PDB file of N, CA and C in Angstrom:
ATOM      1  N   MET A   1      -4.030   5.551  -2.179  1.00  0.00           N
ATOM      2  CA  MET A   1      -5.343   5.292  -1.574  1.00  0.00           C
ATOM      3  C   MET A   1      -5.965   6.537  -2.177  1.00  0.00           C
ATOM      4  N   GLU A   2      -7.487   6.572  -2.835  1.00  0.00           N
ATOM      5  CA  GLU A   2      -7.783   7.312  -3.331  1.00  0.00           C
ATOM      6  C   GLU A   2      -8.362   8.480  -2.119  1.00  0.00           C
ATOM      7  N   PRO A   3      -8.311   9.901  -2.329  1.00  0.00           N
ATOM      8  CA  PRO A   3      -9.049  10.805  -1.209  1.00  0.00           C
ATOM      9  C   PRO A   3     -10.426  10.770  -1.531  1.00  0.00           C
ATOM     10  N   GLY A   4     -10.946  10.280  -0.490  1.00  0.00           N
ATOM     11  CA  GLY A   4     -12.447  10.224   0.311  1.00  0.00           C
ATOM     12  C   GLY A   4     -12.458   9.018  -0.301  1.00  0.00           C
ATOM     13  N   ASN A   5     -11.952   7.921  -0.581  1.00  0.00           N
ATOM     14  CA  ASN A   5     -12.519   6.355  -0.419  1.00  0.00           C
ATOM     15  C   ASN A   5     -12.481   6.234   0.919  1.00  0.00           C
ATOM     16  N   LEU A   6     -13.343   5.642   0.837  1.00  0.00           N
ATOM     17  CA  LEU A   6     -13.946   5.599   2.214  1.00  0.00           C
ATOM     18  C   LEU A   6     -13.824   4.183   3.217  1.00  0.00           C
ATOM     19  N   ASP A   7     -14.034   3.462   2.265  1.00  0.00           N
ATOM     20  CA  ASP A   7     -13.499   2.093   2.205  1.00  0.00           C
ATOM     21  C   ASP A   7     -11.897   1.511   2.483  1.00  0.00           C
ATOM     22  N   ASP A   8     -11.233   2.110   1.145  1.00  0.00           N
ATOM     23  CA  ASP A   8      -9.152   3.150   1.741  1.00  0.00           C
ATOM     24  C   ASP A   8      -9.368   3.259   3.025  1.00  0.00           C
ATOM     25  N   GLN A   9      -9.605   4.650   3.090  1.00  0.00           N
ATOM     26  CA  GLN A   9      -9.657   5.033   4.231  1.00  0.00           C
ATOM     27  C   GLN A   9     -10.025   4.270   5.287  1.00  0.00           C
ATOM     28  N   ILE A  10     -10.509   3.495   6.416  1.00  0.00           N
ATOM     29  CA  ILE A  10     -10.912   2.840   7.182  1.00  0.00           C
ATOM     30  C   ILE A  10      -9.772   1.347   6.882  1.00  0.00           C
ATOM     31  N   VAL A  11      -8.943   0.512   6.341  1.00  0.00           N
ATOM     32  CA  VAL A  11      -7.970  -0.536   5.368  1.00  0.00           C
ATOM     33  C   VAL A  11      -6.908   0.537   5.956  1.00  0.00           C
ATOM     34  N   GLY A  12      -6.621   1.952   5.524  1.00  0.00           N
ATOM     35  CA  GLY A  12      -5.664   2.176   6.461  1.00  0.00           C
ATOM     36  C   GLY A  12      -4.862   2.661   8.395  1.00  0.00           C
ATOM     37  N   VAL A  13      -6.669   3.329   8.386  1.00  0.00           N
ATOM     38  CA  VAL A  13      -6.380   3.039   9.689  1.00  0.00           C
ATOM     39  C   VAL A  13      -6.892   2.062  10.674  1.00  0.00           C
ATOM     40  N   ALA A  14      -7.715   0.984  10.148  1.00  0.00           N
ATOM     41  CA  ALA A  14      -7.083  -0.439  10.922  1.00  0.00           C
ATOM     42  C   ALA A  14      -5.990  -0.766  10.636  1.00  0.00           C
ATOM     43  N   SER A  15      -4.490  -0.578   9.676  1.00  0.00           N
ATOM     44  CA  SER A  15      -3.636  -0.745  10.241  1.00  0.00           C
ATOM     45  C   SER A  15      -2.900  -0.264  11.250  1.00  0.00           C
ATOM     46  N   LEU A  16      -3.355   0.749  11.486  1.00  0.00           N
ATOM     47  CA  LEU A  16      -2.966   1.026  12.519  1.00  0.00           C
ATOM     48  C   LEU A  16      -2.790   0.090  13.922  1.00  0.00           C
ATOM     49  N   ALA A  17      -3.720  -0.617  13.831  1.00  0.00           N
ATOM     50  CA  ALA A  17      -4.358  -1.037  15.148  1.00  0.00           C
ATOM     51  C   ALA A  17      -3.163  -1.760  15.904  1.00  0.00           C
ATOM     52  N   GLU A  18      -1.995  -2.423  14.826  1.00  0.00           N
ATOM     53  CA  GLU A  18      -0.358  -3.000  15.291  1.00  0.00           C
ATOM     54  C   GLU A  18      -0.159  -2.090  16.087  1.00  0.00           C
ATOM     55  N   PRO A  19       0.258  -1.961  17.604  1.00  0.00           N
ATOM     56  CA  PRO A  19       1.101  -1.543  17.619  1.00  0.00           C
ATOM     57  C   PRO A  19       2.711  -1.430  17.990  1.00  0.00           C
ATOM     58  N   GLN A  20       3.518  -2.201  17.108  1.00  0.00           N
ATOM     59  CA  GLN A  20       4.686  -1.472  16.091  1.00  0.00           C
ATOM     60  C   GLN A  20       4.829  -0.749  15.187  1.00  0.00           C
ATOM     61  N   ARG A  21       3.220  -1.022  14.345  1.00  0.00           N
ATOM     62  CA  ARG A  21       3.127  -0.613  13.709  1.00  0.00           C
ATOM     63  C   ARG A  21       2.774   0.529  12.955  1.00  0.00           C
ATOM     64  N   ARG A  22       2.031   1.228  14.402  1.00  0.00           N
ATOM     65  CA  ARG A  22       1.426   2.216  14.762  1.00  0.00           C
ATOM     66  C   ARG A  22       2.491   3.217  15.153  1.00  0.00           C
ATOM     67  N   ARG A  23       3.509   2.140  15.946  1.00  0.00           N
ATOM     68  CA  ARG A  23       4.649   2.839  16.331  1.00  0.00           C
ATOM     69  C   ARG A  23       5.863   3.930  15.478  1.00  0.00           C
ATOM     70  N   LEU A  24       5.730   2.783  14.318  1.00  0.00           N
ATOM     71  CA  LEU A  24       6.743   2.680  13.231  1.00  0.00           C
ATOM     72  C   LEU A  24       5.799   3.868  12.154  1.00  0.00           C
ATOM     73  N   TYR A  25       4.978   4.244  12.209  1.00  0.00           N
ATOM     74  CA  TYR A  25       3.954   4.875  11.519  1.00  0.00           C
ATOM     75  C   TYR A  25       4.517   6.396  11.825  1.00  0.00           C
ATOM     76  N   ARG A  26       4.229   6.421  13.349  1.00  0.00           N
ATOM     77  CA  ARG A  26       4.440   7.934  14.011  1.00  0.00           C
ATOM     78  C   ARG A  26       5.767   8.270  13.915  1.00  0.00           C
ATOM     79  N   PHE A  27       6.417   7.146  13.311  1.00  0.00           N
ATOM     80  CA  PHE A  27       8.544   7.511  13.608  1.00  0.00           C
ATOM     81  C   PHE A  27       8.321   8.230  12.816  1.00  0.00           C
ATOM     82  N   VAL A  28       7.547   7.448  11.886  1.00  0.00           N
ATOM     83  CA  VAL A  28       8.299   8.135   9.909  1.00  0.00           C
ATOM     84  C   VAL A  28       7.840   9.378   9.998  1.00  0.00           C
ATOM     85  N   VAL A  29       6.324   9.097  10.709  1.00  0.00           N
ATOM     86  CA  VAL A  29       6.288  10.726   9.782  1.00  0.00           C
ATOM     87  C   VAL A  29       6.558  12.157  10.837  1.00  0.00           C
ATOM     88  N   SER A  30       6.985  11.662  11.958  1.00  0.00           N
ATOM     89  CA  SER A  30       7.483  12.755  12.483  1.00  0.00           C
ATOM     90  C   SER A  30       8.612  13.256  12.610  1.00  0.00           C
ATOM     91  N   ARG A  31       9.775  12.789  11.813  1.00  0.00           N
ATOM     92  CA  ARG A  31      10.579  13.134  10.891  1.00  0.00           C
ATOM     93  C   ARG A  31      10.607  13.988   9.596  1.00  0.00           C
ATOM     94  N   HIS A  32       9.361  14.399   8.995  1.00  0.00           N
ATOM     95  CA  HIS A  32       8.830  15.759   7.556  1.00  0.00           C
ATOM     96  C   HIS A  32      10.127  14.966   6.747  1.00  0.00           C
ATOM     97  N   ARG A  33      10.276  13.748   6.407  1.00  0.00           N
ATOM     98  CA  ARG A  33      11.579  13.777   5.381  1.00  0.00           C
ATOM     99  C   ARG A  33      11.127  12.206   5.729  1.00  0.00           C
ATOM    100  N   PRO A  34      12.209  12.058   4.158  1.00  0.00           N
ATOM    101  CA  PRO A  34      11.977  10.408   3.815  1.00  0.00           C
ATOM    102  C   PRO A  34      12.642   9.505   5.310  1.00  0.00           C
ATOM    103  N   VAL A  35      12.424   8.648   5.504  1.00  0.00           N
ATOM    104  CA  VAL A  35      13.109   8.109   6.264  1.00  0.00           C
ATOM    105  C   VAL A  35      13.623   6.311   5.465  1.00  0.00           C
ATOM    106  N   SER A  36      14.970   5.764   6.203  1.00  0.00           N
ATOM    107  CA  SER A  36      15.230   4.782   5.739  1.00  0.00           C
ATOM    108  C   SER A  36      15.133   3.476   6.516  1.00  0.00           C
ATOM    109  N   LYS A  37      14.954   2.424   6.545  1.00  0.00           N
ATOM    110  CA  LYS A  37      14.267   1.095   6.878  1.00  0.00           C
ATOM    111  C   LYS A  37      15.856   0.992   8.189  1.00  0.00           C
ATOM    112  N   ASP A  38      16.954   1.161   7.525  1.00  0.00           N
ATOM    113  CA  ASP A  38      17.993   0.814   8.860  1.00  0.00           C
ATOM    114  C   ASP A  38      17.668   1.849   9.997  1.00  0.00           C
ATOM    115  N   GLU A  39      17.616   3.137   9.113  1.00  0.00           N
ATOM    116  CA  GLU A  39      17.461   4.057  10.306  1.00  0.00           C
ATOM    117  C   GLU A  39      16.362   4.162  11.169  1.00  0.00           C
ATOM    118  N   ALA A  40      15.344   3.742  10.641  1.00  0.00           N
ATOM    119  CA  ALA A  40      14.062   3.133  11.818  1.00  0.00           C
ATOM    120  C   ALA A  40      13.808   2.063  12.648  1.00  0.00           C
ATOM    121  N   ALA A  41      14.510   1.346  12.148  1.00  0.00           N
ATOM    122  CA  ALA A  41      15.044  -0.019  12.534  1.00  0.00           C
ATOM    123  C   ALA A  41      16.012   0.527  13.861  1.00  0.00           C
ATOM    124  N   SER A  42      17.045   0.752  13.609  1.00  0.00           N
ATOM    125  CA  SER A  42      17.433   1.769  14.542  1.00  0.00           C
ATOM    126  C   SER A  42      17.596   2.676  15.889  1.00  0.00           C
ATOM    127  N   ALA A  43      16.330   3.281  15.290  1.00  0.00           N
ATOM    128  CA  ALA A  43      15.730   4.303  16.406  1.00  0.00           C
ATOM    129  C   ALA A  43      14.587   4.003  17.334  1.00  0.00           C
ATOM    130  N   LEU A  44      13.755   2.654  16.749  1.00  0.00           N
ATOM    131  CA  LEU A  44      13.056   1.516  17.695  1.00  0.00           C
ATOM    132  C   LEU A  44      12.988   0.930  17.611  1.00  0.00           C
ATOM    133  N   GLY A  45      14.721  -0.075  17.857  1.00  0.00           N
ATOM    134  CA  GLY A  45      15.141  -0.932  18.485  1.00  0.00           C
ATOM    135  C   GLY A  45      14.849  -1.927  18.087  1.00  0.00           C
ATOM    136  N   LEU A  46      14.039  -2.194  16.522  1.00  0.00           N
ATOM    137  CA  LEU A  46      13.444  -3.537  15.944  1.00  0.00           C
ATOM    138  C   LEU A  46      14.315  -3.979  14.508  1.00  0.00           C
ATOM    139  N   ALA A  47      14.068  -4.988  14.014  1.00  0.00           N
ATOM    140  CA  ALA A  47      14.820  -6.000  13.307  1.00  0.00           C
ATOM    141  C   ALA A  47      14.057  -4.676  11.796  1.00  0.00           C
ATOM    142  N   ARG A  48      15.435  -5.464  11.012  1.00  0.00           N
ATOM    143  CA  ARG A  48      15.480  -4.571   9.904  1.00  0.00           C
ATOM    144  C   ARG A  48      13.706  -5.426   9.393  1.00  0.00           C
ATOM    145  N   SER A  49      13.956  -6.733   8.901  1.00  0.00           N
ATOM    146  CA  SER A  49      13.042  -6.906   8.814  1.00  0.00           C
ATOM    147  C   SER A  49      11.566  -7.481   9.660  1.00  0.00           C
ATOM    148  N   VAL A  50      11.601  -6.915  10.834  1.00  0.00           N
ATOM    149  CA  VAL A  50      10.116  -6.634  11.236  1.00  0.00           C
ATOM    150  C   VAL A  50       9.912  -4.939  10.555  1.00  0.00           C
ATOM    151  N   VAL A  51      10.793  -3.877  10.905  1.00  0.00           N
ATOM    152  CA  VAL A  51      10.218  -2.751  10.091  1.00  0.00           C
ATOM    153  C   VAL A  51       9.847  -2.917   8.805  1.00  0.00           C
ATOM    154  N   THR A  52      10.179  -3.555   7.825  1.00  0.00           N
ATOM    155  CA  THR A  52       9.950  -4.033   6.135  1.00  0.00           C
ATOM    156  C   THR A  52       8.801  -4.263   6.503  1.00  0.00           C
ATOM    157  N   PHE A  53       8.741  -5.127   7.144  1.00  0.00           N
ATOM    158  CA  PHE A  53       7.261  -5.790   6.847  1.00  0.00           C
ATOM    159  C   PHE A  53       6.792  -4.969   7.576  1.00  0.00           C
ATOM    160  N   HIS A  54       6.348  -4.014   8.479  1.00  0.00           N
ATOM    161  CA  HIS A  54       5.617  -2.714   8.188  1.00  0.00           C
ATOM    162  C   HIS A  54       5.216  -1.920   7.574  1.00  0.00           C
ATOM    163  N   LEU A  55       6.745  -1.667   7.061  1.00  0.00           N
ATOM    164  CA  LEU A  55       6.427  -0.372   6.028  1.00  0.00           C
ATOM    165  C   LEU A  55       5.550  -1.207   5.053  1.00  0.00           C
ATOM    166  N   ASP A  56       6.304  -2.198   4.974  1.00  0.00           N
ATOM    167  CA  ASP A  56       5.143  -2.380   2.917  1.00  0.00           C
ATOM    168  C   ASP A  56       3.555  -2.860   3.699  1.00  0.00           C
ATOM    169  N   ARG A  57       2.961  -2.976   4.351  1.00  0.00           N
ATOM    170  CA  ARG A  57       2.288  -2.695   4.947  1.00  0.00           C
ATOM    171  C   ARG A  57       1.334  -1.818   4.974  1.00  0.00           C
ATOM    172  N   LEU A  58       1.813  -1.201   5.603  1.00  0.00           N
ATOM    173  CA  LEU A  58       1.623   0.884   5.704  1.00  0.00           C
ATOM    174  C   LEU A  58       1.424   1.213   4.208  1.00  0.00           C
ATOM    175  N   VAL A  59       2.675   0.771   2.929  1.00  0.00           N
ATOM    176  CA  VAL A  59       2.420   1.412   1.312  1.00  0.00           C
ATOM    177  C   VAL A  59       1.901   0.594   1.286  1.00  0.00           C
ATOM    178  N   ALA A  60       0.869  -0.385   1.814  1.00  0.00           N
ATOM    179  CA  ALA A  60       0.301  -1.308   0.325  1.00  0.00           C
ATOM    180  C   ALA A  60      -1.404  -0.615   0.657  1.00  0.00           C
ATOM    181  N   ASP A  61      -1.665  -0.347   2.865  1.00  0.00           N
ATOM    182  CA  ASP A  61      -2.609   0.317   2.933  1.00  0.00           C
ATOM    183  C   ASP A  61      -3.178   1.897   2.774  1.00  0.00           C
ATOM    184  N   GLY A  62      -1.756   2.571   1.778  1.00  0.00           N
ATOM    185  CA  GLY A  62      -2.023   3.411   1.452  1.00  0.00           C
ATOM    186  C   GLY A  62      -2.105   4.385   2.640  1.00  0.00           C
ATOM    187  N   MET A  63      -1.302   4.344   3.512  1.00  0.00           N
ATOM    188  CA  MET A  63      -0.380   5.042   5.132  1.00  0.00           C
ATOM    189  C   MET A  63       0.517   5.957   4.158  1.00  0.00           C
ATOM    190  N   LEU A  64       1.792   5.412   3.831  1.00  0.00           N
ATOM    191  CA  LEU A  64       2.634   6.468   3.681  1.00  0.00           C
ATOM    192  C   LEU A  64       3.274   5.878   2.048  1.00  0.00           C
ATOM    193  N   ALA A  65       3.709   6.610   1.805  1.00  0.00           N
ATOM    194  CA  ALA A  65       4.754   6.166   0.277  1.00  0.00           C
ATOM    195  C   ALA A  65       6.024   5.945   0.140  1.00  0.00           C
ATOM    196  N   VAL A  66       6.539   5.243  -1.010  1.00  0.00           N
ATOM    197  CA  VAL A  66       7.787   5.236  -1.108  1.00  0.00           C
ATOM    198  C   VAL A  66       8.600   5.966  -1.918  1.00  0.00           C
ATOM    199  N   GLY A  67      10.287   6.100  -1.458  1.00  0.00           N
ATOM    200  CA  GLY A  67      10.507   6.838  -2.603  1.00  0.00           C
ATOM    201  C   GLY A  67      11.849   6.094  -2.688  1.00  0.00           C
ATOM    202  N   TYR A  68      12.918   5.998  -3.397  1.00  0.00           N
ATOM    203  CA  TYR A  68      13.784   4.807  -3.400  1.00  0.00           C
ATOM    204  C   TYR A  68      15.190   6.400  -3.939  1.00  0.00           C
ATOM    205  N   ARG A  69      16.188   6.099  -3.432  1.00  0.00           N
ATOM    206  CA  ARG A  69      17.028   7.387  -3.870  1.00  0.00           C
ATOM    207  C   ARG A  69      18.869   5.833  -3.301  1.00  0.00           C
TER     208      ARG A  69
END
């Protein structure tokens, strides 16, 4: 998401309308460090496949960044 691009910002915020996705987003940003899919799934009591779906959407919408280790 480009800073200042209103259309991109609207898409990002709109993606948080889905309750599980919003809960996942809050969990990830509250950690202040990288979070694995397994950690998020365990902490939220969700299937890893559900977490993967929502994380992918948050990344595509510019709300989160991906890192690999």
